Amino acid sequence: MSIKEILEELPKLSREERQHLRIWLDSEDFPETDALLAAVEEGFRSMEQGPMRSLEEARQTVKRCATRSK
């Protein structure tokens, strides 16, 4: 199935089906790796010790770690 065909079918999905698809796609983009889990743990530690980062900064950090671990 092509991307074009998939995009044509997306409007036919229910809200719940689209949400499920979003979650699945996001999990495919960022598989749980040792580097990603270490980054998450470091985030929790730093959250307890000092100022927090913005959501966008956190997303960029996770994306960087996930990219490095591939």
C-alpha atoms as a PDB file:
ATOM      1  CA  MET A   1       0.000   0.000   0.000  1.00  0.00           C
ATOM      2  CA  SER A   2       1.366   3.407  -0.914  1.00  0.00           C
ATOM      3  CA  ILE A   3       1.499   6.502   1.289  1.00  0.00           C
ATOM      4  CA  LYS A   4      -1.126   8.100  -0.943  1.00  0.00           C
ATOM      5  CA  GLU A   5      -3.475   5.155  -0.407  1.00  0.00           C
ATOM      6  CA  ILE A   6      -2.886   5.230   3.338  1.00  0.00           C
ATOM      7  CA  LEU A   7      -3.608   8.966   3.506  1.00  0.00           C
ATOM      8  CA  GLU A   8      -6.822   8.439   1.571  1.00  0.00           C
ATOM      9  CA  GLU A   9      -7.952   5.816   4.090  1.00  0.00           C
ATOM     10  CA  LEU A  10      -7.072   7.743   7.276  1.00  0.00           C
ATOM     11  CA  PRO A  11     -10.292   9.811   7.361  1.00  0.00           C
ATOM     12  CA  LYS A  12     -12.244   6.548   7.510  1.00  0.00           C
ATOM     13  CA  LEU A  13     -10.680   5.616  10.858  1.00  0.00           C
ATOM     14  CA  SER A  14     -12.506   6.315  14.091  1.00  0.00           C
ATOM     15  CA  ARG A  15     -10.990   8.727  16.610  1.00  0.00           C
ATOM     16  CA  GLU A  16      -9.945   5.756  18.744  1.00  0.00           C
ATOM     17  CA  GLU A  17      -8.296   4.029  15.778  1.00  0.00           C
ATOM     18  CA  ARG A  18      -6.368   7.204  14.880  1.00  0.00           C
ATOM     19  CA  GLN A  19      -5.173   7.539  18.484  1.00  0.00           C
ATOM     20  CA  HIS A  20      -4.036   3.913  18.474  1.00  0.00           C
ATOM     21  CA  LEU A  21      -2.210   4.519  15.204  1.00  0.00           C
ATOM     22  CA  ARG A  22      -0.489   7.630  16.640  1.00  0.00           C
ATOM     23  CA  ILE A  23       0.734   5.677  19.647  1.00  0.00           C
ATOM     24  CA  TRP A  24       1.970   2.842  17.464  1.00  0.00           C
ATOM     25  CA  LEU A  25       3.774   5.205  15.075  1.00  0.00           C
ATOM     26  CA  ASP A  26       5.409   7.067  17.960  1.00  0.00           C
ATOM     27  CA  SER A  27       6.624   3.819  19.497  1.00  0.00           C
ATOM     28  CA  GLU A  28       8.108   2.809  16.155  1.00  0.00           C
ATOM     29  CA  ASP A  29      10.017   6.099  15.952  1.00  0.00           C
ATOM     30  CA  PHE A  30      11.515   5.766  19.417  1.00  0.00           C
ATOM     31  CA  PRO A  31      12.112   2.136  20.348  1.00  0.00           C
ATOM     32  CA  GLU A  32      13.153   1.534  23.936  1.00  0.00           C
ATOM     33  CA  THR A  33      16.921   1.306  23.907  1.00  0.00           C
ATOM     34  CA  ASP A  34      19.420   1.389  26.739  1.00  0.00           C
ATOM     35  CA  ALA A  35      20.405   4.934  25.736  1.00  0.00           C
ATOM     36  CA  LEU A  36      16.804   6.129  25.714  1.00  0.00           C
ATOM     37  CA  LEU A  37      16.034   4.557  29.080  1.00  0.00           C
ATOM     38  CA  ALA A  38      19.215   6.065  30.543  1.00  0.00           C
ATOM     39  CA  ALA A  39      18.153   9.498  29.254  1.00  0.00           C
ATOM     40  CA  VAL A  40      14.733   9.120  30.848  1.00  0.00           C
ATOM     41  CA  GLU A  41      16.279   8.075  34.172  1.00  0.00           C
ATOM     42  CA  GLU A  42      18.677  11.020  34.010  1.00  0.00           C
ATOM     43  CA  GLY A  43      15.704  13.288  33.361  1.00  0.00           C
ATOM     44  CA  PHE A  44      13.956  12.043  36.484  1.00  0.00           C
ATOM     45  CA  ARG A  45      17.126  12.528  38.558  1.00  0.00           C
ATOM     46  CA  SER A  46      17.698  16.046  37.259  1.00  0.00           C
ATOM     47  CA  MET A  47      14.041  16.926  37.816  1.00  0.00           C
ATOM     48  CA  GLU A  48      14.480  16.173  41.513  1.00  0.00           C
ATOM     49  CA  GLN A  49      17.709  18.196  41.752  1.00  0.00           C
ATOM     50  CA  GLY A  50      17.134  21.393  39.851  1.00  0.00           C
ATOM     51  CA  PRO A  51      15.163  23.469  37.399  1.00  0.00           C
ATOM     52  CA  MET A  52      13.161  21.625  34.787  1.00  0.00           C
ATOM     53  CA  ARG A  53      13.460  21.962  31.040  1.00  0.00           C
ATOM     54  CA  SER A  54      10.609  22.967  28.804  1.00  0.00           C
ATOM     55  CA  LEU A  55       8.625  20.261  27.064  1.00  0.00           C
ATOM     56  CA  GLU A  56      10.230  21.199  23.745  1.00  0.00           C
ATOM     57  CA  GLU A  57      13.746  20.908  25.229  1.00  0.00           C
ATOM     58  CA  ALA A  58      12.849  17.485  26.627  1.00  0.00           C
ATOM     59  CA  ARG A  59      11.512  16.328  23.255  1.00  0.00           C
ATOM     60  CA  GLN A  60      14.703  17.440  21.518  1.00  0.00           C
ATOM     61  CA  THR A  61      16.842  15.599  24.085  1.00  0.00           C
ATOM     62  CA  VAL A  62      14.840  12.385  23.693  1.00  0.00           C
ATOM     63  CA  LYS A  63      14.966  12.671  19.899  1.00  0.00           C
ATOM     64  CA  ARG A  64      18.759  13.205  20.013  1.00  0.00           C
ATOM     65  CA  CYS A  65      19.261  10.168  22.270  1.00  0.00           C
ATOM     66  CA  ALA A  66      16.979   7.974  20.185  1.00  0.00           C
ATOM     67  CA  THR A  67      18.772   8.976  16.987  1.00  0.00           C
ATOM     68  CA  ARG A  68      22.182   8.234  18.496  1.00  0.00           C
ATOM     69  CA  SER A  69      21.129   4.763  19.635  1.00  0.00           C
ATOM     70  CA  LYS A  70      19.987   3.532  16.201  1.00  0.00           C
END
